[in-house]
Amino acid sequence: MFGSIGMPELMIIFVIALIIFGPRKLPELGRSMGRSLSEFKRASNELRSTLDEEIRVEESTPEPPRPEPKERAQSAGADQQETASTT
């Protein structure tokens, strides 16, 4: 869950937090950290769902036809004129 942090390290962190903040402030600090983490998770999930929806909408809309480059269009027009004049 915490990667490379084991139980002894968590106990040391808890004891240091208890010494610094005291037994009365520690539950309040834990609640505020829990609220912050849940708010962060909710915001990141909303962002992910918004991005997924935008990608889905973008994939479902057809691409507009690309205009031909001017050189191709001009040479195609010249080929058509030559064909028409030879027949």
PDB file of N, CA and C in Angstrom:
ATOM      1  N   MET A   1       0.818  -1.192   0.000  1.00  0.00           N
ATOM      2  CA  MET A   1       0.000   0.000   0.000  1.00  0.00           C
ATOM      3  C   MET A   1       0.863   1.257   0.000  1.00  0.00           C
ATOM      4  N   PHE A   2       1.886   1.295   0.834  1.00  0.00           N
ATOM      5  CA  PHE A   2       2.730   2.473   0.925  1.00  0.00           C
ATOM      6  C   PHE A   2       4.075   2.273   0.226  1.00  0.00           C
ATOM      7  N   GLY A   3       4.200   1.258  -0.587  1.00  0.00           N
ATOM      8  CA  GLY A   3       5.443   1.029  -1.306  1.00  0.00           C
ATOM      9  C   GLY A   3       6.508   0.468  -0.398  1.00  0.00           C
ATOM     10  N   SER A   4       7.606   1.199  -0.246  1.00  0.00           N
ATOM     11  CA  SER A   4       8.729   0.691   0.533  1.00  0.00           C
ATOM     12  C   SER A   4       8.635   1.064   2.011  1.00  0.00           C
ATOM     13  N   ILE A   5       7.568   1.732   2.448  1.00  0.00           N
ATOM     14  CA  ILE A   5       7.417   2.077   3.856  1.00  0.00           C
ATOM     15  C   ILE A   5       6.789   0.888   4.568  1.00  0.00           C
ATOM     16  N   GLY A   6       7.491   0.367   5.555  1.00  0.00           N
ATOM     17  CA  GLY A   6       7.010  -0.783   6.309  1.00  0.00           C
ATOM     18  C   GLY A   6       6.362  -0.351   7.618  1.00  0.00           C
ATOM     19  N   MET A   7       5.984  -1.339   8.411  1.00  0.00           N
ATOM     20  CA  MET A   7       5.319  -1.069   9.685  1.00  0.00           C
ATOM     21  C   MET A   7       6.217  -0.313  10.662  1.00  0.00           C
ATOM     22  N   PRO A   8       7.517  -0.655  10.804  1.00  0.00           N
ATOM     23  CA  PRO A   8       8.362   0.114  11.740  1.00  0.00           C
ATOM     24  C   PRO A   8       8.465   1.597  11.359  1.00  0.00           C
ATOM     25  N   GLU A   9       8.575   1.867  10.053  1.00  0.00           N
ATOM     26  CA  GLU A   9       8.665   3.259   9.609  1.00  0.00           C
ATOM     27  C   GLU A   9       7.375   4.015   9.888  1.00  0.00           C
ATOM     28  N   LEU A  10       6.229   3.357   9.682  1.00  0.00           N
ATOM     29  CA  LEU A  10       4.946   3.998   9.970  1.00  0.00           C
ATOM     30  C   LEU A  10       4.804   4.298  11.462  1.00  0.00           C
ATOM     31  N   MET A  11       5.274   3.398  12.317  1.00  0.00           N
ATOM     32  CA  MET A  11       5.206   3.631  13.768  1.00  0.00           C
ATOM     33  C   MET A  11       6.073   4.825  14.159  1.00  0.00           C
ATOM     34  N   ILE A  12       7.255   4.936  13.580  1.00  0.00           N
ATOM     35  CA  ILE A  12       8.136   6.071  13.878  1.00  0.00           C
ATOM     36  C   ILE A  12       7.468   7.375  13.432  1.00  0.00           C
ATOM     37  N   ILE A  13       6.882   7.386  12.245  1.00  0.00           N
ATOM     38  CA  ILE A  13       6.194   8.581  11.754  1.00  0.00           C
ATOM     39  C   ILE A  13       5.032   8.940  12.673  1.00  0.00           C
ATOM     40  N   PHE A  14       4.278   7.932  13.114  1.00  0.00           N
ATOM     41  CA  PHE A  14       3.139   8.174  14.008  1.00  0.00           C
ATOM     42  C   PHE A  14       3.599   8.754  15.342  1.00  0.00           C
ATOM     43  N   VAL A  15       4.678   8.211  15.922  1.00  0.00           N
ATOM     44  CA  VAL A  15       5.199   8.711  17.202  1.00  0.00           C
ATOM     45  C   VAL A  15       5.691  10.146  17.055  1.00  0.00           C
ATOM     46  N   ILE A  16       6.387  10.453  15.969  1.00  0.00           N
ATOM     47  CA  ILE A  16       6.872  11.821  15.745  1.00  0.00           C
ATOM     48  C   ILE A  16       5.692  12.779  15.583  1.00  0.00           C
ATOM     49  N   ALA A  17       4.665  12.368  14.832  1.00  0.00           N
ATOM     50  CA  ALA A  17       3.485  13.211  14.668  1.00  0.00           C
ATOM     51  C   ALA A  17       2.776  13.409  15.998  1.00  0.00           C
ATOM     52  N   LEU A  18       2.724  12.386  16.828  1.00  0.00           N
ATOM     53  CA  LEU A  18       2.096  12.484  18.146  1.00  0.00           C
ATOM     54  C   LEU A  18       2.852  13.461  19.035  1.00  0.00           C
ATOM     55  N   ILE A  19       4.172  13.437  18.967  1.00  0.00           N
ATOM     56  CA  ILE A  19       4.990  14.356  19.772  1.00  0.00           C
ATOM     57  C   ILE A  19       4.816  15.791  19.271  1.00  0.00           C
ATOM     58  N   ILE A  20       4.832  15.974  17.948  1.00  0.00           N
ATOM     59  CA  ILE A  20       4.759  17.328  17.390  1.00  0.00           C
ATOM     60  C   ILE A  20       3.366  17.936  17.578  1.00  0.00           C
ATOM     61  N   PHE A  21       2.320  17.207  17.231  1.00  0.00           N
ATOM     62  CA  PHE A  21       0.974  17.781  17.221  1.00  0.00           C
ATOM     63  C   PHE A  21       0.199  17.519  18.509  1.00  0.00           C
ATOM     64  N   GLY A  22       0.559  16.535  19.259  1.00  0.00           N
ATOM     65  CA  GLY A  22      -0.141  16.229  20.505  1.00  0.00           C
ATOM     66  C   GLY A  22      -1.344  15.342  20.268  1.00  0.00           C
ATOM     67  N   PRO A  23      -1.823  14.704  21.335  1.00  0.00           N
ATOM     68  CA  PRO A  23      -2.930  13.757  21.186  1.00  0.00           C
ATOM     69  C   PRO A  23      -4.271  14.415  20.842  1.00  0.00           C
ATOM     70  N   ARG A  24      -4.442  15.678  21.137  1.00  0.00           N
ATOM     71  CA  ARG A  24      -5.717  16.351  20.856  1.00  0.00           C
ATOM     72  C   ARG A  24      -5.824  16.798  19.402  1.00  0.00           C
ATOM     73  N   LYS A  25      -4.713  17.201  18.828  1.00  0.00           N
ATOM     74  CA  LYS A  25      -4.737  17.699  17.447  1.00  0.00           C
ATOM     75  C   LYS A  25      -4.619  16.589  16.412  1.00  0.00           C
ATOM     76  N   LEU A  26      -4.106  15.434  16.799  1.00  0.00           N
ATOM     77  CA  LEU A  26      -3.849  14.357  15.851  1.00  0.00           C
ATOM     78  C   LEU A  26      -5.117  13.857  15.151  1.00  0.00           C
ATOM     79  N   PRO A  27      -6.242  13.628  15.846  1.00  0.00           N
ATOM     80  CA  PRO A  27      -7.448  13.207  15.125  1.00  0.00           C
ATOM     81  C   PRO A  27      -7.963  14.263  14.149  1.00  0.00           C
ATOM     82  N   GLU A  28      -7.868  15.524  14.544  1.00  0.00           N
ATOM     83  CA  GLU A  28      -8.292  16.614  13.651  1.00  0.00           C
ATOM     84  C   GLU A  28      -7.400  16.674  12.412  1.00  0.00           C
ATOM     85  N   LEU A  29      -6.115  16.489  12.607  1.00  0.00           N
ATOM     86  CA  LEU A  29      -5.164  16.481  11.493  1.00  0.00           C
ATOM     87  C   LEU A  29      -5.454  15.308  10.552  1.00  0.00           C
ATOM     88  N   GLY A  30      -5.751  14.144  11.126  1.00  0.00           N
ATOM     89  CA  GLY A  30      -6.077  12.971  10.306  1.00  0.00           C
ATOM     90  C   GLY A  30      -7.343  13.184   9.493  1.00  0.00           C
ATOM     91  N   ARG A  31      -8.354  13.784  10.109  1.00  0.00           N
ATOM     92  CA  ARG A  31      -9.603  14.065   9.381  1.00  0.00           C
ATOM     93  C   ARG A  31      -9.366  15.031   8.232  1.00  0.00           C
ATOM     94  N   SER A  32      -8.611  16.084   8.489  1.00  0.00           N
ATOM     95  CA  SER A  32      -8.372  17.066   7.425  1.00  0.00           C
ATOM     96  C   SER A  32      -7.542  16.466   6.295  1.00  0.00           C
ATOM     97  N   MET A  33      -6.579  15.600   6.638  1.00  0.00           N
ATOM     98  CA  MET A  33      -5.803  14.934   5.587  1.00  0.00           C
ATOM     99  C   MET A  33      -6.680  13.978   4.792  1.00  0.00           C
ATOM    100  N   GLY A  34      -7.571  13.260   5.467  1.00  0.00           N
ATOM    101  CA  GLY A  34      -8.496  12.363   4.772  1.00  0.00           C
ATOM    102  C   GLY A  34      -9.415  13.107   3.830  1.00  0.00           C
ATOM    103  N   ARG A  35      -9.926  14.248   4.283  1.00  0.00           N
ATOM    104  CA  ARG A  35     -10.789  15.065   3.415  1.00  0.00           C
ATOM    105  C   ARG A  35     -10.017  15.581   2.203  1.00  0.00           C
ATOM    106  N   SER A  36      -8.787  16.017   2.436  1.00  0.00           N
ATOM    107  CA  SER A  36      -7.965  16.518   1.336  1.00  0.00           C
ATOM    108  C   SER A  36      -7.696  15.420   0.305  1.00  0.00           C
ATOM    109  N   LEU A  37      -7.362  14.221   0.795  1.00  0.00           N
ATOM    110  CA  LEU A  37      -7.100  13.107  -0.120  1.00  0.00           C
ATOM    111  C   LEU A  37      -8.349  12.719  -0.903  1.00  0.00           C
ATOM    112  N   SER A  38      -9.497  12.691  -0.236  1.00  0.00           N
ATOM    113  CA  SER A  38     -10.732  12.332  -0.954  1.00  0.00           C
ATOM    114  C   SER A  38     -11.100  13.402  -1.974  1.00  0.00           C
ATOM    115  N   GLU A  39     -10.882  14.673  -1.654  1.00  0.00           N
ATOM    116  CA  GLU A  39     -11.147  15.755  -2.614  1.00  0.00           C
ATOM    117  C   GLU A  39     -10.216  15.639  -3.823  1.00  0.00           C
ATOM    118  N   PHE A  40      -8.948  15.323  -3.557  1.00  0.00           N
ATOM    119  CA  PHE A  40      -7.991  15.155  -4.651  1.00  0.00           C
ATOM    120  C   PHE A  40      -8.385  13.985  -5.546  1.00  0.00           C
ATOM    121  N   LYS A  41      -8.786  12.860  -4.942  1.00  0.00           N
ATOM    122  CA  LYS A  41      -9.206  11.701  -5.729  1.00  0.00           C
ATOM    123  C   LYS A  41     -10.430  12.036  -6.575  1.00  0.00           C
ATOM    124  N   ARG A  42     -11.386  12.745  -5.982  1.00  0.00           N
ATOM    125  CA  ARG A  42     -12.599  13.087  -6.718  1.00  0.00           C
ATOM    126  C   ARG A  42     -12.277  14.011  -7.896  1.00  0.00           C
ATOM    127  N   ALA A  43     -11.415  14.989  -7.662  1.00  0.00           N
ATOM    128  CA  ALA A  43     -11.045  15.916  -8.737  1.00  0.00           C
ATOM    129  C   ALA A  43     -10.292  15.189  -9.845  1.00  0.00           C
ATOM    130  N   SER A  44      -9.391  14.285  -9.488  1.00  0.00           N
ATOM    131  CA  SER A  44      -8.644  13.568 -10.521  1.00  0.00           C
ATOM    132  C   SER A  44      -9.554  12.611 -11.292  1.00  0.00           C
ATOM    133  N   ASN A  45     -10.534  11.995 -10.622  1.00  0.00           N
ATOM    134  CA  ASN A  45     -11.486  11.134 -11.328  1.00  0.00           C
ATOM    135  C   ASN A  45     -12.364  11.943 -12.272  1.00  0.00           C
ATOM    136  N   GLU A  46     -12.781  13.140 -11.861  1.00  0.00           N
ATOM    137  CA  GLU A  46     -13.566  13.999 -12.740  1.00  0.00           C
ATOM    138  C   GLU A  46     -12.757  14.410 -13.966  1.00  0.00           C
ATOM    139  N   LEU A  47     -11.490  14.752 -13.752  1.00  0.00           N
ATOM    140  CA  LEU A  47     -10.629  15.129 -14.867  1.00  0.00           C
ATOM    141  C   LEU A  47     -10.453  13.961 -15.827  1.00  0.00           C
ATOM    142  N   ARG A  48     -10.226  12.767 -15.284  1.00  0.00           N
ATOM    143  CA  ARG A  48     -10.045  11.580 -16.122  1.00  0.00           C
ATOM    144  C   ARG A  48     -11.309  11.288 -16.929  1.00  0.00           C
ATOM    145  N   SER A  49     -12.474  11.375 -16.288  1.00  0.00           N
ATOM    146  CA  SER A  49     -13.718  11.087 -17.006  1.00  0.00           C
ATOM    147  C   SER A  49     -13.993  12.147 -18.076  1.00  0.00           C
ATOM    148  N   THR A  50     -13.673  13.398 -17.788  1.00  0.00           N
ATOM    149  CA  THR A  50     -13.849  14.452 -18.777  1.00  0.00           C
ATOM    150  C   THR A  50     -12.943  14.218 -19.982  1.00  0.00           C
ATOM    151  N   LEU A  51     -11.688  13.862 -19.729  1.00  0.00           N
ATOM    152  CA  LEU A  51     -10.763  13.602 -20.831  1.00  0.00           C
ATOM    153  C   LEU A  51     -11.203  12.389 -21.645  1.00  0.00           C
ATOM    154  N   ASP A  52     -11.652  11.326 -20.975  1.00  0.00           N
ATOM    155  CA  ASP A  52     -12.131  10.144 -21.687  1.00  0.00           C
ATOM    156  C   ASP A  52     -13.340  10.480 -22.557  1.00  0.00           C
ATOM    157  N   GLU A  53     -14.235  11.301 -22.027  1.00  0.00           N
ATOM    158  CA  GLU A  53     -15.425  11.685 -22.788  1.00  0.00           C
ATOM    159  C   GLU A  53     -15.045  12.520 -24.008  1.00  0.00           C
ATOM    160  N   GLU A  54     -14.106  13.456 -23.833  1.00  0.00           N
ATOM    161  CA  GLU A  54     -13.660  14.279 -24.955  1.00  0.00           C
ATOM    162  C   GLU A  54     -12.996  13.422 -26.032  1.00  0.00           C
ATOM    163  N   ILE A  55     -12.203  12.450 -25.618  1.00  0.00           N
ATOM    164  CA  ILE A  55     -11.552  11.566 -26.586  1.00  0.00           C
ATOM    165  C   ILE A  55     -12.596  10.753 -27.334  1.00  0.00           C
ATOM    166  N   ARG A  56     -13.598  10.249 -26.604  1.00  0.00           N
ATOM    167  CA  ARG A  56     -14.655   9.451 -27.226  1.00  0.00           C
ATOM    168  C   ARG A  56     -15.443  10.284 -28.238  1.00  0.00           C
ATOM    169  N   VAL A  57     -15.752  11.538 -27.883  1.00  0.00           N
ATOM    170  CA  VAL A  57     -16.495  12.418 -28.793  1.00  0.00           C
ATOM    171  C   VAL A  57     -15.646  12.728 -30.021  1.00  0.00           C
ATOM    172  N   GLU A  58     -14.366  12.980 -29.811  1.00  0.00           N
ATOM    173  CA  GLU A  58     -13.481  13.312 -30.926  1.00  0.00           C
ATOM    174  C   GLU A  58     -13.321  12.126 -31.875  1.00  0.00           C
ATOM    175  N   GLU A  59     -13.274  10.912 -31.334  1.00  0.00           N
ATOM    176  CA  GLU A  59     -13.129   9.727 -32.183  1.00  0.00           C
ATOM    177  C   GLU A  59     -14.410   9.431 -32.952  1.00  0.00           C
ATOM    178  N   SER A  60     -15.558   9.784 -32.397  1.00  0.00           N
ATOM    179  CA  SER A  60     -16.820   9.452 -33.053  1.00  0.00           C
ATOM    180  C   SER A  60     -17.200  10.450 -34.144  1.00  0.00           C
ATOM    181  N   THR A  61     -16.671  11.672 -34.100  1.00  0.00           N
ATOM    182  CA  THR A  61     -16.986  12.643 -35.145  1.00  0.00           C
ATOM    183  C   THR A  61     -16.114  12.368 -36.361  1.00  0.00           C
ATOM    184  N   PRO A  62     -16.721  12.376 -37.560  1.00  0.00           N
ATOM    185  CA  PRO A  62     -15.921  12.115 -38.760  1.00  0.00           C
ATOM    186  C   PRO A  62     -15.012  13.297 -39.072  1.00  0.00           C
ATOM    187  N   GLU A  63     -13.879  12.976 -39.670  1.00  0.00           N
ATOM    188  CA  GLU A  63     -12.946  14.025 -40.060  1.00  0.00           C
ATOM    189  C   GLU A  63     -13.471  14.747 -41.288  1.00  0.00           C
ATOM    190  N   PRO A  64     -13.320  16.076 -41.350  1.00  0.00           N
ATOM    191  CA  PRO A  64     -13.724  16.783 -42.553  1.00  0.00           C
ATOM    192  C   PRO A  64     -12.784  16.414 -43.700  1.00  0.00           C
ATOM    193  N   PRO A  65     -13.282  16.411 -44.919  1.00  0.00           N
ATOM    194  CA  PRO A  65     -12.404  16.055 -46.048  1.00  0.00           C
ATOM    195  C   PRO A  65     -11.283  17.069 -46.184  1.00  0.00           C
ATOM    196  N   ARG A  66     -10.107  16.562 -46.483  1.00  0.00           N
ATOM    197  CA  ARG A  66      -8.955  17.435 -46.637  1.00  0.00           C
ATOM    198  C   ARG A  66      -8.964  18.041 -48.035  1.00  0.00           C
ATOM    199  N   PRO A  67      -8.715  19.334 -48.140  1.00  0.00           N
ATOM    200  CA  PRO A  67      -8.631  19.942 -49.473  1.00  0.00           C
ATOM    201  C   PRO A  67      -7.355  19.481 -50.165  1.00  0.00           C
ATOM    202  N   GLU A  68      -7.438  19.323 -51.449  1.00  0.00           N
ATOM    203  CA  GLU A  68      -6.261  18.908 -52.208  1.00  0.00           C
ATOM    204  C   GLU A  68      -5.286  20.065 -52.289  1.00  0.00           C
ATOM    205  N   PRO A  69      -4.002  19.750 -52.327  1.00  0.00           N
ATOM    206  CA  PRO A  69      -3.024  20.830 -52.511  1.00  0.00           C
ATOM    207  C   PRO A  69      -3.235  21.513 -53.853  1.00  0.00           C
ATOM    208  N   LYS A  70      -2.845  22.759 -53.963  1.00  0.00           N
ATOM    209  CA  LYS A  70      -3.077  23.546 -55.176  1.00  0.00           C
ATOM    210  C   LYS A  70      -2.418  22.919 -56.397  1.00  0.00           C
ATOM    211  N   GLU A  71      -1.219  22.374 -56.249  1.00  0.00           N
ATOM    212  CA  GLU A  71      -0.528  21.779 -57.385  1.00  0.00           C
ATOM    213  C   GLU A  71      -1.313  20.604 -57.948  1.00  0.00           C
ATOM    214  N   ARG A  72      -1.839  19.753 -57.085  1.00  0.00           N
ATOM    215  CA  ARG A  72      -2.605  18.594 -57.549  1.00  0.00           C
ATOM    216  C   ARG A  72      -3.884  19.046 -58.241  1.00  0.00           C
ATOM    217  N   ALA A  73      -4.551  20.027 -57.646  1.00  0.00           N
ATOM    218  CA  ALA A  73      -5.811  20.493 -58.220  1.00  0.00           C
ATOM    219  C   ALA A  73      -5.562  21.124 -59.592  1.00  0.00           C
ATOM    220  N   GLN A  74      -4.485  21.895 -59.715  1.00  0.00           N
ATOM    221  CA  GLN A  74      -4.196  22.531 -60.992  1.00  0.00           C
ATOM    222  C   GLN A  74      -3.811  21.496 -62.045  1.00  0.00           C
ATOM    223  N   SER A  75      -2.994  20.500 -61.680  1.00  0.00           N
ATOM    224  CA  SER A  75      -2.594  19.492 -62.654  1.00  0.00           C
ATOM    225  C   SER A  75      -3.782  18.613 -63.027  1.00  0.00           C
ATOM    226  N   ALA A  76      -4.679  18.361 -62.097  1.00  0.00           N
ATOM    227  CA  ALA A  76      -5.869  17.580 -62.409  1.00  0.00           C
ATOM    228  C   ALA A  76      -6.761  18.350 -63.371  1.00  0.00           C
ATOM    229  N   GLY A  77      -6.852  19.647 -63.178  1.00  0.00           N
ATOM    230  CA  GLY A  77      -7.656  20.467 -64.083  1.00  0.00           C
ATOM    231  C   GLY A  77      -7.052  20.496 -65.478  1.00  0.00           C
ATOM    232  N   ALA A  78      -5.733  20.533 -65.568  1.00  0.00           N
ATOM    233  CA  ALA A  78      -5.066  20.532 -66.866  1.00  0.00           C
ATOM    234  C   ALA A  78      -5.253  19.183 -67.554  1.00  0.00           C
ATOM    235  N   ASP A  79      -5.197  18.096 -66.821  1.00  0.00           N
ATOM    236  CA  ASP A  79      -5.414  16.758 -67.389  1.00  0.00           C
ATOM    237  C   ASP A  79      -6.841  16.638 -67.932  1.00  0.00           C
ATOM    238  N   GLN A  80      -7.791  17.197 -67.235  1.00  0.00           N
ATOM    239  CA  GLN A  80      -9.172  17.122 -67.686  1.00  0.00           C
ATOM    240  C   GLN A  80      -9.356  17.932 -68.976  1.00  0.00           C
ATOM    241  N   GLN A  81      -8.690  19.077 -69.068  1.00  0.00           N
ATOM    242  CA  GLN A  81      -8.808  19.893 -70.290  1.00  0.00           C
ATOM    243  C   GLN A  81      -8.178  19.168 -71.460  1.00  0.00           C
ATOM    244  N   GLU A  82      -7.036  18.502 -71.263  1.00  0.00           N
ATOM    245  CA  GLU A  82      -6.383  17.773 -72.344  1.00  0.00           C
ATOM    246  C   GLU A  82      -7.267  16.617 -72.807  1.00  0.00           C
ATOM    247  N   THR A  83      -7.884  15.908 -71.878  1.00  0.00           N
ATOM    248  CA  THR A  83      -8.749  14.796 -72.215  1.00  0.00           C
ATOM    249  C   THR A  83      -9.953  15.271 -73.011  1.00  0.00           C
ATOM    250  N   ALA A  84     -10.499  16.400 -72.614  1.00  0.00           N
ATOM    251  CA  ALA A  84     -11.685  16.935 -73.291  1.00  0.00           C
ATOM    252  C   ALA A  84     -11.313  17.404 -74.699  1.00  0.00           C
ATOM    253  N   SER A  85     -10.149  17.968 -74.890  1.00  0.00           N
ATOM    254  CA  SER A  85      -9.766  18.473 -76.209  1.00  0.00           C
ATOM    255  C   SER A  85      -9.397  17.337 -77.163  1.00  0.00           C
ATOM    256  N   THR A  86      -8.909  16.199 -76.651  1.00  0.00           N
ATOM    257  CA  THR A  86      -8.548  15.096 -77.529  1.00  0.00           C
ATOM    258  C   THR A  86      -9.736  14.272 -77.960  1.00  0.00           C
ATOM    259  N   THR A  87     -10.840  14.326 -77.264  1.00  0.00           N
ATOM    260  CA  THR A  87     -12.006  13.544 -77.664  1.00  0.00           C
ATOM    261  C   THR A  87     -12.916  14.273 -78.571  1.00  0.00           C
TER     262      THR A  87
END
